Amino acid sequence: MKARVHVTLKTGVLDPQGKAIQHALAGLGFAGIEAVRQGKFIEIELRDSDPGEARRRVEAMCKDLLANPVIENYAIDIEAG
C-alpha cells in the first residue's frame, strides 16, 4: 500500500520560499505570476492491507512529524497496491 502526503502552508502564513521562487521565475522571463506557494510531497510504502488502518497510521505520522499542524495543512491519498 502506498500513501502520498501533500503538505502546504496554511493561508495567511508567510511563504518566503514561495516568494523566492516567484522572483526567480520572473527573472527567467515568466511574466504574470501573481503568487507562488510551495509545499512538500512525501510518499510512504506501507505493509498495511486495510486502507482505513493505513490512513489512521499516516494521519498519526503527519500529526507527530510530517507536518506542523499549527502552520501547515496536509492531504493524504492512500493507494492500494
N, C-alpha and C. Protein backbone atom coordinates (compact mmCIF):
# COMPACT_ATOMS: atom_id res chain seq x y z
N MET A 1 0.85 -1.17 0.00
CA MET A 1 0.00 0.00 0.00
C MET A 1 0.90 1.23 0.00
N LYS A 2 0.46 2.26 -0.72
CA LYS A 2 1.26 3.47 -0.83
C LYS A 2 0.45 4.65 -0.32
N ALA A 3 1.09 5.49 0.48
CA ALA A 3 0.47 6.72 0.95
C ALA A 3 1.22 7.90 0.35
N ARG A 4 0.46 8.86 -0.12
CA ARG A 4 1.03 10.10 -0.63
C ARG A 4 0.52 11.24 0.24
N VAL A 5 1.45 12.04 0.75
CA VAL A 5 1.09 13.13 1.64
C VAL A 5 1.56 14.44 1.01
N HIS A 6 0.63 15.38 0.88
CA HIS A 6 0.94 16.73 0.39
C HIS A 6 0.81 17.68 1.57
N VAL A 7 1.89 18.39 1.87
CA VAL A 7 1.91 19.33 2.98
C VAL A 7 2.07 20.74 2.41
N THR A 8 1.19 21.65 2.81
CA THR A 8 1.26 23.03 2.35
C THR A 8 1.06 23.97 3.53
N LEU A 9 1.58 25.18 3.38
CA LEU A 9 1.37 26.18 4.41
C LEU A 9 -0.08 26.64 4.41
N LYS A 10 -0.60 26.93 5.58
CA LYS A 10 -1.96 27.44 5.68
C LYS A 10 -2.03 28.84 5.08
N THR A 11 -3.22 29.19 4.62
CA THR A 11 -3.46 30.52 4.09
C THR A 11 -3.12 31.55 5.17
N GLY A 12 -2.41 32.59 4.78
CA GLY A 12 -2.05 33.64 5.72
C GLY A 12 -0.68 33.47 6.33
N VAL A 13 -0.10 32.27 6.22
CA VAL A 13 1.25 32.04 6.73
C VAL A 13 2.23 32.48 5.65
N LEU A 14 3.19 33.32 6.02
CA LEU A 14 4.18 33.80 5.06
C LEU A 14 4.96 32.63 4.47
N ASP A 15 5.26 32.73 3.18
CA ASP A 15 5.96 31.68 2.46
C ASP A 15 7.18 32.27 1.76
N PRO A 16 8.30 32.46 2.49
CA PRO A 16 9.47 33.07 1.86
C PRO A 16 10.05 32.25 0.72
N GLN A 17 9.96 30.92 0.78
CA GLN A 17 10.45 30.10 -0.32
C GLN A 17 9.58 30.29 -1.56
N GLY A 18 8.29 30.37 -1.37
CA GLY A 18 7.39 30.63 -2.49
C GLY A 18 7.68 31.97 -3.13
N LYS A 19 7.95 32.99 -2.30
CA LYS A 19 8.29 34.32 -2.80
C LYS A 19 9.60 34.28 -3.58
N ALA A 20 10.60 33.53 -3.09
CA ALA A 20 11.88 33.40 -3.80
C ALA A 20 11.68 32.71 -5.15
N ILE A 21 10.82 31.70 -5.19
CA ILE A 21 10.53 31.01 -6.46
C ILE A 21 9.85 31.99 -7.42
N GLN A 22 8.91 32.76 -6.92
CA GLN A 22 8.20 33.73 -7.75
C GLN A 22 9.19 34.72 -8.37
N HIS A 23 10.12 35.25 -7.57
CA HIS A 23 11.11 36.20 -8.08
C HIS A 23 12.04 35.54 -9.09
N ALA A 24 12.44 34.31 -8.83
CA ALA A 24 13.32 33.60 -9.76
C ALA A 24 12.62 33.35 -11.09
N LEU A 25 11.35 32.98 -11.04
CA LEU A 25 10.59 32.77 -12.28
C LEU A 25 10.47 34.08 -13.07
N ALA A 26 10.22 35.17 -12.37
CA ALA A 26 10.14 36.47 -13.04
C ALA A 26 11.48 36.82 -13.69
N GLY A 27 12.57 36.51 -12.98
CA GLY A 27 13.90 36.77 -13.51
C GLY A 27 14.21 35.94 -14.75
N LEU A 28 13.55 34.80 -14.88
CA LEU A 28 13.73 33.94 -16.06
C LEU A 28 12.78 34.31 -17.20
N GLY A 29 11.98 35.36 -16.98
CA GLY A 29 11.09 35.83 -18.03
C GLY A 29 9.68 35.30 -17.97
N PHE A 30 9.32 34.59 -16.93
CA PHE A 30 7.95 34.10 -16.79
C PHE A 30 7.10 35.20 -16.17
N ALA A 31 6.33 35.89 -17.00
CA ALA A 31 5.54 37.03 -16.55
C ALA A 31 4.15 36.59 -16.10
N GLY A 32 3.50 37.47 -15.35
CA GLY A 32 2.11 37.26 -14.97
C GLY A 32 1.89 36.33 -13.80
N ILE A 33 2.93 36.01 -13.05
CA ILE A 33 2.77 35.14 -11.88
C ILE A 33 2.44 36.02 -10.68
N GLU A 34 1.25 35.87 -10.15
CA GLU A 34 0.82 36.71 -9.04
C GLU A 34 1.32 36.22 -7.69
N ALA A 35 1.42 34.91 -7.53
CA ALA A 35 1.88 34.37 -6.25
C ALA A 35 2.32 32.92 -6.44
N VAL A 36 3.25 32.49 -5.61
CA VAL A 36 3.70 31.10 -5.59
C VAL A 36 3.68 30.63 -4.14
N ARG A 37 3.10 29.48 -3.91
CA ARG A 37 3.14 28.83 -2.59
C ARG A 37 3.81 27.49 -2.81
N GLN A 38 4.75 27.15 -1.98
CA GLN A 38 5.44 25.87 -2.12
C GLN A 38 5.08 24.97 -0.96
N GLY A 39 5.29 23.69 -1.16
CA GLY A 39 5.00 22.71 -0.13
C GLY A 39 5.93 21.53 -0.25
N LYS A 40 5.51 20.42 0.32
CA LYS A 40 6.34 19.22 0.21
C LYS A 40 5.44 18.02 -0.08
N PHE A 41 6.03 17.03 -0.72
CA PHE A 41 5.35 15.81 -1.10
C PHE A 41 6.12 14.65 -0.50
N ILE A 42 5.42 13.76 0.20
CA ILE A 42 6.05 12.62 0.86
C ILE A 42 5.32 11.36 0.41
N GLU A 43 6.07 10.37 -0.03
CA GLU A 43 5.48 9.09 -0.45
C GLU A 43 5.97 8.02 0.51
N ILE A 44 5.05 7.23 1.04
CA ILE A 44 5.37 6.23 2.05
C ILE A 44 4.83 4.88 1.60
N GLU A 45 5.68 3.87 1.56
CA GLU A 45 5.27 2.49 1.28
C GLU A 45 4.90 1.84 2.61
N LEU A 46 3.71 1.25 2.66
CA LEU A 46 3.21 0.63 3.89
C LEU A 46 2.93 -0.85 3.68
N ARG A 47 3.06 -1.64 4.74
CA ARG A 47 2.72 -3.06 4.68
C ARG A 47 1.25 -3.31 4.97
N ASP A 48 0.53 -2.29 5.39
CA ASP A 48 -0.88 -2.45 5.76
C ASP A 48 -1.70 -3.00 4.59
N SER A 49 -2.72 -3.78 4.90
CA SER A 49 -3.64 -4.26 3.87
C SER A 49 -5.00 -3.59 4.00
N ASP A 50 -5.25 -2.95 5.13
CA ASP A 50 -6.51 -2.25 5.37
C ASP A 50 -6.32 -0.75 5.11
N PRO A 51 -6.98 -0.20 4.08
CA PRO A 51 -6.80 1.23 3.78
C PRO A 51 -7.17 2.15 4.94
N GLY A 52 -8.18 1.79 5.70
CA GLY A 52 -8.57 2.60 6.85
C GLY A 52 -7.48 2.67 7.91
N GLU A 53 -6.88 1.52 8.20
CA GLU A 53 -5.79 1.48 9.18
C GLU A 53 -4.57 2.23 8.64
N ALA A 54 -4.30 2.07 7.36
CA ALA A 54 -3.17 2.79 6.75
C ALA A 54 -3.38 4.30 6.89
N ARG A 55 -4.59 4.77 6.61
CA ARG A 55 -4.88 6.20 6.73
C ARG A 55 -4.71 6.67 8.16
N ARG A 56 -5.17 5.89 9.11
CA ARG A 56 -5.03 6.26 10.53
C ARG A 56 -3.56 6.38 10.92
N ARG A 57 -2.74 5.44 10.45
CA ARG A 57 -1.31 5.47 10.76
C ARG A 57 -0.62 6.68 10.13
N VAL A 58 -0.94 6.95 8.88
CA VAL A 58 -0.32 8.09 8.20
C VAL A 58 -0.79 9.40 8.81
N GLU A 59 -2.05 9.46 9.22
CA GLU A 59 -2.57 10.64 9.92
C GLU A 59 -1.75 10.90 11.19
N ALA A 60 -1.46 9.85 11.95
CA ALA A 60 -0.64 9.99 13.16
C ALA A 60 0.77 10.45 12.80
N MET A 61 1.32 9.93 11.71
CA MET A 61 2.65 10.35 11.26
C MET A 61 2.66 11.84 10.94
N CYS A 62 1.61 12.30 10.29
CA CYS A 62 1.52 13.72 9.94
C CYS A 62 1.46 14.59 11.19
N LYS A 63 0.63 14.19 12.14
CA LYS A 63 0.49 14.98 13.36
C LYS A 63 1.75 14.98 14.20
N ASP A 64 2.50 13.85 14.20
CA ASP A 64 3.68 13.72 15.04
C ASP A 64 4.96 14.24 14.40
N LEU A 65 5.07 14.18 13.06
CA LEU A 65 6.36 14.50 12.43
C LEU A 65 6.27 15.21 11.09
N LEU A 66 5.43 14.74 10.20
CA LEU A 66 5.49 15.17 8.80
C LEU A 66 4.97 16.58 8.57
N ALA A 67 4.08 17.06 9.41
CA ALA A 67 3.52 18.40 9.25
C ALA A 67 3.45 19.10 10.59
N ASN A 68 3.49 20.41 10.54
CA ASN A 68 3.29 21.22 11.73
C ASN A 68 1.85 21.73 11.66
N PRO A 69 0.92 21.11 12.40
CA PRO A 69 -0.49 21.46 12.25
C PRO A 69 -0.83 22.90 12.63
N VAL A 70 0.07 23.59 13.29
CA VAL A 70 -0.17 25.00 13.62
C VAL A 70 -0.11 25.86 12.37
N ILE A 71 0.83 25.57 11.45
CA ILE A 71 1.02 26.42 10.27
C ILE A 71 0.84 25.69 8.94
N GLU A 72 0.63 24.36 8.98
CA GLU A 72 0.55 23.59 7.73
C GLU A 72 -0.73 22.77 7.65
N ASN A 73 -1.22 22.61 6.44
CA ASN A 73 -2.30 21.67 6.12
C ASN A 73 -1.66 20.46 5.46
N TYR A 74 -2.35 19.34 5.52
CA TYR A 74 -1.85 18.17 4.79
C TYR A 74 -3.05 17.40 4.22
N ALA A 75 -2.78 16.72 3.12
CA ALA A 75 -3.77 15.86 2.47
C ALA A 75 -3.13 14.50 2.25
N ILE A 76 -3.89 13.45 2.52
CA ILE A 76 -3.39 12.07 2.42
C ILE A 76 -4.17 11.33 1.34
N ASP A 77 -3.43 10.69 0.44
CA ASP A 77 -4.04 9.79 -0.55
C ASP A 77 -3.48 8.39 -0.29
N ILE A 78 -4.35 7.42 -0.17
CA ILE A 78 -3.94 6.03 0.03
C ILE A 78 -4.23 5.25 -1.25
N GLU A 79 -3.23 4.54 -1.72
CA GLU A 79 -3.38 3.73 -2.93
C GLU A 79 -3.11 2.27 -2.58
N ALA A 80 -4.09 1.43 -2.79
CA ALA A 80 -3.92 0.00 -2.53
C ALA A 80 -2.96 -0.56 -3.57
N GLY A 81 -2.04 -1.40 -3.11
CA GLY A 81 -1.04 -1.94 -4.02
C GLY A 81 -1.45 -3.26 -4.52
